[in-house]
Amino acid sequence: MQSVILKLQADVQARKTPRLDLSPTLKNTLMAGALCLFAFAIGAQTANSAVAELSGLVGTTSPEGVIELQKVEIDRLKRIHEASSTYGIPADLAERIEDIALAEGIEPQVAFGLVRAESEFNRRAVSPVGAVGLTQLMPSTAKYFKAGLAREDLFDRDTNLRIGFRYLKTLIEKYDGNLKLALLAYNRGPDRVDQLLANGDDPNNGYVEMVLGKRRHR
């Protein structure tokens, strides 16, 4: 895998000053060829979706722009592969966690840590108190973000990730960008965290370290 990455990076670097008369067919071939090499490492579905997405831009983007888009997508696929390997999860799940986290304004590293701590990446997980899915959402909390949502909907991978990350983003904003307090509120509930803070107590219970990887989740 490392040799593939190095080859791709060298290929991109060598094309930093491409000819301006590259044909759309050649641009498409360069882009698709580079991305398809990842199919062997991260799975055809993820690689093919990347090729399809970028292929739609060929003909509407300058040659320099196409090369840069190649590099961005290669870097993205490399991160997905690394996350898949690090956490022992399918590449398509790693891809959705990264993409949805970024769309909701959450750092992917935090997002992966949250899902690991909450459910160990098990989308069918249910807690003793009724929290559901990958990000362990309470149905009542989820309905605040999507009216009419049924409990069963929270077992859907993308729905659960999107609402869970959106909830965390809301908490980050509530605590003026303080990620530690936001994570504690996600785990303990914002009312409980606010009460502890008002009493002059430290709300930390080890959850922040668990999410951010400073100690292994048990």
C-alpha atoms as a PDB file:
ATOM      1  CA  MET A   1       0.000   0.000   0.000  1.00  0.00           C
ATOM      2  CA  GLN A   2       2.829   2.422   0.873  1.00  0.00           C
ATOM      3  CA  SER A   3       4.442   1.862  -2.528  1.00  0.00           C
ATOM      4  CA  VAL A   4       1.138   2.642  -4.226  1.00  0.00           C
ATOM      5  CA  ILE A   5       0.786   5.891  -2.271  1.00  0.00           C
ATOM      6  CA  LEU A   6       4.355   6.926  -3.088  1.00  0.00           C
ATOM      7  CA  LYS A   7       3.850   6.154  -6.762  1.00  0.00           C
ATOM      8  CA  LEU A   8       0.642   8.183  -6.837  1.00  0.00           C
ATOM      9  CA  GLN A   9       2.258  11.104  -5.039  1.00  0.00           C
ATOM     10  CA  ALA A  10       5.208  11.035  -7.440  1.00  0.00           C
ATOM     11  CA  ASP A  11       2.806  10.908 -10.363  1.00  0.00           C
ATOM     12  CA  VAL A  12       0.910  13.948  -9.106  1.00  0.00           C
ATOM     13  CA  GLN A  13       4.129  15.866  -8.388  1.00  0.00           C
ATOM     14  CA  ALA A  14       5.438  15.157 -11.889  1.00  0.00           C
ATOM     15  CA  ARG A  15       2.326  16.733 -13.359  1.00  0.00           C
ATOM     16  CA  LYS A  16       2.463  19.995 -11.398  1.00  0.00           C
ATOM     17  CA  THR A  17       2.974  21.914 -14.675  1.00  0.00           C
ATOM     18  CA  PRO A  18       0.806  20.014 -17.164  1.00  0.00           C
ATOM     19  CA  ARG A  19       0.298  21.005 -20.792  1.00  0.00           C
ATOM     20  CA  LEU A  20      -2.754  23.177 -21.184  1.00  0.00           C
ATOM     21  CA  ASP A  21      -3.939  21.212 -24.224  1.00  0.00           C
ATOM     22  CA  LEU A  22      -4.589  17.935 -22.400  1.00  0.00           C
ATOM     23  CA  SER A  23      -7.632  16.325 -23.923  1.00  0.00           C
ATOM     24  CA  PRO A  24     -10.635  15.538 -21.706  1.00  0.00           C
ATOM     25  CA  THR A  25     -10.085  11.852 -22.455  1.00  0.00           C
ATOM     26  CA  LEU A  26      -6.489  11.960 -21.240  1.00  0.00           C
ATOM     27  CA  LYS A  27      -7.439  13.945 -18.150  1.00  0.00           C
ATOM     28  CA  ASN A  28     -10.132  11.408 -17.352  1.00  0.00           C
ATOM     29  CA  THR A  29      -7.744   8.507 -17.884  1.00  0.00           C
ATOM     30  CA  LEU A  30      -5.090   9.972 -15.580  1.00  0.00           C
ATOM     31  CA  MET A  31      -7.614  10.669 -12.863  1.00  0.00           C
ATOM     32  CA  ALA A  32      -9.486   7.373 -13.052  1.00  0.00           C
ATOM     33  CA  GLY A  33      -6.305   5.334 -13.320  1.00  0.00           C
ATOM     34  CA  ALA A  34      -4.811   6.835 -10.195  1.00  0.00           C
ATOM     35  CA  LEU A  35      -7.963   6.446  -8.155  1.00  0.00           C
ATOM     36  CA  CYS A  36      -8.707   2.901  -9.291  1.00  0.00           C
ATOM     37  CA  LEU A  37      -5.404   1.715  -7.819  1.00  0.00           C
ATOM     38  CA  PHE A  38      -7.057   2.201  -4.452  1.00  0.00           C
ATOM     39  CA  ALA A  39      -9.730  -0.391  -5.247  1.00  0.00           C
ATOM     40  CA  PHE A  40      -7.349  -3.165  -4.251  1.00  0.00           C
ATOM     41  CA  ALA A  41      -6.649  -1.536  -0.886  1.00  0.00           C
ATOM     42  CA  ILE A  42      -9.943  -0.076   0.275  1.00  0.00           C
ATOM     43  CA  GLY A  43     -12.625  -1.839  -1.730  1.00  0.00           C
ATOM     44  CA  ALA A  44     -14.086  -1.291  -5.173  1.00  0.00           C
ATOM     45  CA  GLN A  45     -17.256   0.440  -3.981  1.00  0.00           C
ATOM     46  CA  THR A  46     -15.412   3.309  -2.314  1.00  0.00           C
ATOM     47  CA  ALA A  47     -12.895   3.721  -5.122  1.00  0.00           C
ATOM     48  CA  ASN A  48     -15.526   3.555  -7.850  1.00  0.00           C
ATOM     49  CA  SER A  49     -17.680   6.167  -6.135  1.00  0.00           C
ATOM     50  CA  ALA A  50     -14.674   8.483  -6.030  1.00  0.00           C
ATOM     51  CA  VAL A  51     -13.979   7.951  -9.729  1.00  0.00           C
ATOM     52  CA  ALA A  52     -17.613   8.609 -10.601  1.00  0.00           C
ATOM     53  CA  GLU A  53     -17.703  11.790  -8.541  1.00  0.00           C
ATOM     54  CA  LEU A  54     -14.553  13.278 -10.036  1.00  0.00           C
ATOM     55  CA  SER A  55     -15.279  12.082 -13.567  1.00  0.00           C
ATOM     56  CA  GLY A  56     -18.307  14.353 -13.575  1.00  0.00           C
ATOM     57  CA  LEU A  57     -15.971  17.332 -13.223  1.00  0.00           C
ATOM     58  CA  VAL A  58     -13.857  16.483 -16.257  1.00  0.00           C
ATOM     59  CA  GLY A  59     -14.571  18.927 -19.050  1.00  0.00           C
ATOM     60  CA  THR A  60     -15.690  21.643 -16.644  1.00  0.00           C
ATOM     61  CA  THR A  61     -12.377  22.043 -14.788  1.00  0.00           C
ATOM     62  CA  SER A  62      -8.976  23.246 -16.011  1.00  0.00           C
ATOM     63  CA  PRO A  63      -6.174  20.675 -16.424  1.00  0.00           C
ATOM     64  CA  GLU A  64      -4.416  22.103 -13.369  1.00  0.00           C
ATOM     65  CA  GLY A  65      -7.665  21.891 -11.425  1.00  0.00           C
ATOM     66  CA  VAL A  66      -8.195  18.271 -12.418  1.00  0.00           C
ATOM     67  CA  ILE A  67      -4.726  17.343 -11.167  1.00  0.00           C
ATOM     68  CA  GLU A  68      -5.341  19.099  -7.858  1.00  0.00           C
ATOM     69  CA  LEU A  69      -8.707  17.361  -7.500  1.00  0.00           C
ATOM     70  CA  GLN A  70      -6.900  14.091  -8.109  1.00  0.00           C
ATOM     71  CA  LYS A  71      -4.502  14.832  -5.284  1.00  0.00           C
ATOM     72  CA  VAL A  72      -7.274  15.875  -2.897  1.00  0.00           C
ATOM     73  CA  GLU A  73      -9.224  12.698  -3.605  1.00  0.00           C
ATOM     74  CA  ILE A  74      -6.136  10.500  -3.299  1.00  0.00           C
ATOM     75  CA  ASP A  75      -5.361  12.067   0.083  1.00  0.00           C
ATOM     76  CA  ARG A  76      -8.968  11.503   1.148  1.00  0.00           C
ATOM     77  CA  LEU A  77      -8.880   7.843   0.127  1.00  0.00           C
ATOM     78  CA  LYS A  78      -5.580   7.406   1.945  1.00  0.00           C
ATOM     79  CA  ARG A  79      -7.155   8.774   5.156  1.00  0.00           C
ATOM     80  CA  ILE A  80     -10.127   6.451   4.736  1.00  0.00           C
ATOM     81  CA  HIS A  81      -7.844   3.460   4.246  1.00  0.00           C
ATOM     82  CA  GLU A  82      -5.820   4.389   7.339  1.00  0.00           C
ATOM     83  CA  ALA A  83      -8.967   4.812   9.451  1.00  0.00           C
ATOM     84  CA  SER A  84     -10.339   1.501   8.198  1.00  0.00           C
ATOM     85  CA  SER A  85      -7.089  -0.218   9.175  1.00  0.00           C
ATOM     86  CA  THR A  86      -6.682   1.593  12.506  1.00  0.00           C
ATOM     87  CA  TYR A  87     -10.189   0.885  13.777  1.00  0.00           C
ATOM     88  CA  GLY A  88     -10.719  -2.447  12.029  1.00  0.00           C
ATOM     89  CA  ILE A  89     -13.876  -1.283  10.247  1.00  0.00           C
ATOM     90  CA  PRO A  90     -15.109  -1.573   6.640  1.00  0.00           C
ATOM     91  CA  ALA A  91     -13.861   1.120   4.275  1.00  0.00           C
ATOM     92  CA  ASP A  92     -17.395   2.230   3.426  1.00  0.00           C
ATOM     93  CA  LEU A  93     -18.117   2.935   7.106  1.00  0.00           C
ATOM     94  CA  ALA A  94     -14.841   4.837   7.482  1.00  0.00           C
ATOM     95  CA  GLU A  95     -15.741   6.839   4.391  1.00  0.00           C
ATOM     96  CA  ARG A  96     -19.167   7.818   5.709  1.00  0.00           C
ATOM     97  CA  ILE A  97     -17.849   8.767   9.151  1.00  0.00           C
ATOM     98  CA  GLU A  98     -15.228  11.047   7.587  1.00  0.00           C
ATOM     99  CA  ASP A  99     -17.524  12.623   5.002  1.00  0.00           C
ATOM    100  CA  ILE A 100     -20.495  13.180   7.313  1.00  0.00           C
ATOM    101  CA  ALA A 101     -18.267  14.523  10.088  1.00  0.00           C
ATOM    102  CA  LEU A 102     -16.754  17.097   7.749  1.00  0.00           C
ATOM    103  CA  ALA A 103     -20.188  18.030   6.417  1.00  0.00           C
ATOM    104  CA  GLU A 104     -21.404  18.640   9.981  1.00  0.00           C
ATOM    105  CA  GLY A 105     -18.320  20.612  11.015  1.00  0.00           C
ATOM    106  CA  ILE A 106     -16.734  17.926  13.201  1.00  0.00           C
ATOM    107  CA  GLU A 107     -13.073  16.903  12.980  1.00  0.00           C
ATOM    108  CA  PRO A 108     -12.923  13.322  11.650  1.00  0.00           C
ATOM    109  CA  GLN A 109     -10.529  12.257  14.436  1.00  0.00           C
ATOM    110  CA  VAL A 110     -13.109  13.329  17.008  1.00  0.00           C
ATOM    111  CA  ALA A 111     -15.892  11.651  15.053  1.00  0.00           C
ATOM    112  CA  PHE A 112     -14.095   8.307  14.885  1.00  0.00           C
ATOM    113  CA  GLY A 113     -13.292   8.494  18.591  1.00  0.00           C
ATOM    114  CA  LEU A 114     -16.898   9.283  19.446  1.00  0.00           C
ATOM    115  CA  VAL A 115     -18.315   6.359  17.469  1.00  0.00           C
ATOM    116  CA  ARG A 116     -15.695   4.004  18.911  1.00  0.00           C
ATOM    117  CA  ALA A 117     -16.451   5.077  22.475  1.00  0.00           C
ATOM    118  CA  GLU A 118     -20.217   5.024  22.046  1.00  0.00           C
ATOM    119  CA  SER A 119     -20.846   1.835  20.100  1.00  0.00           C
ATOM    120  CA  GLU A 120     -17.556   0.222  19.042  1.00  0.00           C
ATOM    121  CA  PHE A 121     -18.782   0.903  15.471  1.00  0.00           C
ATOM    122  CA  ASN A 122     -21.837  -1.331  15.941  1.00  0.00           C
ATOM    123  CA  ARG A 123     -24.815   0.265  14.197  1.00  0.00           C
ATOM    124  CA  ARG A 124     -27.232  -2.098  15.996  1.00  0.00           C
ATOM    125  CA  ALA A 125     -25.976  -1.170  19.470  1.00  0.00           C
ATOM    126  CA  VAL A 126     -28.624  -0.356  22.100  1.00  0.00           C
ATOM    127  CA  SER A 127     -27.721   0.823  25.599  1.00  0.00           C
ATOM    128  CA  PRO A 128     -29.532  -0.201  28.812  1.00  0.00           C
ATOM    129  CA  VAL A 129     -31.168   3.253  28.897  1.00  0.00           C
ATOM    130  CA  GLY A 130     -32.315   3.083  25.280  1.00  0.00           C
ATOM    131  CA  ALA A 131     -29.624   4.966  23.346  1.00  0.00           C
ATOM    132  CA  VAL A 132     -29.472   3.684  19.785  1.00  0.00           C
ATOM    133  CA  GLY A 133     -26.975   3.093  17.012  1.00  0.00           C
ATOM    134  CA  LEU A 134     -23.480   4.176  16.094  1.00  0.00           C
ATOM    135  CA  THR A 135     -23.520   7.448  18.037  1.00  0.00           C
ATOM    136  CA  GLN A 136     -25.863   6.138  20.763  1.00  0.00           C
ATOM    137  CA  LEU A 137     -28.629   8.688  20.349  1.00  0.00           C
ATOM    138  CA  MET A 138     -31.657   8.842  22.585  1.00  0.00           C
ATOM    139  CA  PRO A 139     -34.749   8.920  20.343  1.00  0.00           C
ATOM    140  CA  SER A 140     -36.043  12.015  22.161  1.00  0.00           C
ATOM    141  CA  THR A 141     -32.804  13.873  21.401  1.00  0.00           C
ATOM    142  CA  ALA A 142     -32.796  12.762  17.772  1.00  0.00           C
ATOM    143  CA  LYS A 143     -36.342  14.038  17.241  1.00  0.00           C
ATOM    144  CA  TYR A 144     -35.152  17.511  18.212  1.00  0.00           C
ATOM    145  CA  PHE A 145     -33.046  17.502  15.050  1.00  0.00           C
ATOM    146  CA  LYS A 146     -35.478  15.636  12.804  1.00  0.00           C
ATOM    147  CA  ALA A 147     -39.164  15.775  13.636  1.00  0.00           C
ATOM    148  CA  GLY A 148     -41.110  12.572  13.110  1.00  0.00           C
ATOM    149  CA  LEU A 149     -38.040  10.372  13.308  1.00  0.00           C
ATOM    150  CA  ALA A 150     -38.841   6.812  14.386  1.00  0.00           C
ATOM    151  CA  ARG A 151     -36.590   4.860  16.738  1.00  0.00           C
ATOM    152  CA  GLU A 152     -35.914   2.319  13.996  1.00  0.00           C
ATOM    153  CA  ASP A 153     -34.576   5.115  11.769  1.00  0.00           C
ATOM    154  CA  LEU A 154     -31.646   5.512  14.148  1.00  0.00           C
ATOM    155  CA  PHE A 155     -30.305   2.133  13.084  1.00  0.00           C
ATOM    156  CA  ASP A 156     -29.677   3.606   9.639  1.00  0.00           C
ATOM    157  CA  ARG A 157     -25.964   4.321   9.405  1.00  0.00           C
ATOM    158  CA  ASP A 158     -26.020   7.717   7.712  1.00  0.00           C
ATOM    159  CA  THR A 159     -29.032   9.024   9.632  1.00  0.00           C
ATOM    160  CA  ASN A 160     -27.468   8.142  12.968  1.00  0.00           C
ATOM    161  CA  LEU A 161     -24.068   9.591  12.100  1.00  0.00           C
ATOM    162  CA  ARG A 162     -25.530  12.799  10.722  1.00  0.00           C
ATOM    163  CA  ILE A 163     -27.749  13.494  13.733  1.00  0.00           C
ATOM    164  CA  GLY A 164     -25.107  12.420  16.252  1.00  0.00           C
ATOM    165  CA  PHE A 165     -22.456  14.701  14.766  1.00  0.00           C
ATOM    166  CA  ARG A 166     -24.962  17.536  14.434  1.00  0.00           C
ATOM    167  CA  TYR A 167     -25.838  17.159  18.099  1.00  0.00           C
ATOM    168  CA  LEU A 168     -22.153  17.307  19.041  1.00  0.00           C
ATOM    169  CA  LYS A 169     -21.707  20.411  16.876  1.00  0.00           C
ATOM    170  CA  THR A 170     -24.647  22.041  18.665  1.00  0.00           C
ATOM    171  CA  LEU A 171     -23.001  21.295  22.010  1.00  0.00           C
ATOM    172  CA  ILE A 172     -19.666  22.694  20.826  1.00  0.00           C
ATOM    173  CA  GLU A 173     -21.445  25.921  19.933  1.00  0.00           C
ATOM    174  CA  LYS A 174     -23.292  25.938  23.268  1.00  0.00           C
ATOM    175  CA  TYR A 175     -19.995  25.766  25.138  1.00  0.00           C
ATOM    176  CA  ASP A 176     -18.322  28.414  22.959  1.00  0.00           C
ATOM    177  CA  GLY A 177     -16.049  25.995  21.130  1.00  0.00           C
ATOM    178  CA  ASN A 178     -14.958  24.043  24.212  1.00  0.00           C
ATOM    179  CA  LEU A 179     -14.712  20.510  22.829  1.00  0.00           C
ATOM    180  CA  LYS A 180     -14.062  18.969  26.249  1.00  0.00           C
ATOM    181  CA  LEU A 181     -17.279  20.346  27.738  1.00  0.00           C
ATOM    182  CA  ALA A 182     -19.204  19.469  24.582  1.00  0.00           C
ATOM    183  CA  LEU A 183     -18.072  15.841  24.765  1.00  0.00           C
ATOM    184  CA  LEU A 184     -18.895  15.632  28.455  1.00  0.00           C
ATOM    185  CA  ALA A 185     -22.351  17.052  27.751  1.00  0.00           C
ATOM    186  CA  TYR A 186     -22.808  14.500  24.966  1.00  0.00           C
ATOM    187  CA  ASN A 187     -22.015  11.738  27.435  1.00  0.00           C
ATOM    188  CA  ARG A 188     -23.574  13.035  30.670  1.00  0.00           C
ATOM    189  CA  GLY A 189     -26.220  15.395  29.328  1.00  0.00           C
ATOM    190  CA  PRO A 190     -25.898  19.188  29.125  1.00  0.00           C
ATOM    191  CA  ASP A 191     -28.141  19.771  32.149  1.00  0.00           C
ATOM    192  CA  ARG A 192     -25.911  17.618  34.350  1.00  0.00           C
ATOM    193  CA  VAL A 193     -22.739  19.288  33.104  1.00  0.00           C
ATOM    194  CA  ASP A 194     -24.236  22.743  33.639  1.00  0.00           C
ATOM    195  CA  GLN A 195     -25.270  21.792  37.167  1.00  0.00           C
ATOM    196  CA  LEU A 196     -21.796  20.542  38.053  1.00  0.00           C
ATOM    197  CA  LEU A 197     -20.179  23.661  36.643  1.00  0.00           C
ATOM    198  CA  ALA A 198     -22.600  25.891  38.546  1.00  0.00           C
ATOM    199  CA  ASN A 199     -21.639  24.091  41.763  1.00  0.00           C
ATOM    200  CA  GLY A 200     -17.957  24.593  41.049  1.00  0.00           C
ATOM    201  CA  ASP A 201     -17.381  20.899  40.398  1.00  0.00           C
ATOM    202  CA  ASP A 202     -15.334  19.305  37.628  1.00  0.00           C
ATOM    203  CA  PRO A 203     -17.653  17.372  35.279  1.00  0.00           C
ATOM    204  CA  ASN A 204     -14.814  15.300  33.830  1.00  0.00           C
ATOM    205  CA  ASN A 205     -15.464  11.566  34.105  1.00  0.00           C
ATOM    206  CA  GLY A 206     -12.813  10.253  31.720  1.00  0.00           C
ATOM    207  CA  TYR A 207     -15.044  10.322  28.646  1.00  0.00           C
ATOM    208  CA  VAL A 208     -12.997  12.996  26.883  1.00  0.00           C
ATOM    209  CA  GLU A 209      -9.841  10.909  27.153  1.00  0.00           C
ATOM    210  CA  MET A 210     -11.769   7.888  25.929  1.00  0.00           C
ATOM    211  CA  VAL A 211     -12.974   9.683  22.797  1.00  0.00           C
ATOM    212  CA  LEU A 212      -9.691  11.375  21.991  1.00  0.00           C
ATOM    213  CA  GLY A 213      -7.768   8.139  22.391  1.00  0.00           C
ATOM    214  CA  LYS A 214      -5.700   8.915  25.461  1.00  0.00           C
ATOM    215  CA  ARG A 215      -6.834   5.648  26.942  1.00  0.00           C
ATOM    216  CA  ARG A 216      -8.413   2.596  25.383  1.00  0.00           C
ATOM    217  CA  HIS A 217     -12.157   2.191  25.444  1.00  0.00           C
ATOM    218  CA  ARG A 218     -13.299  -0.785  27.529  1.00  0.00           C
END
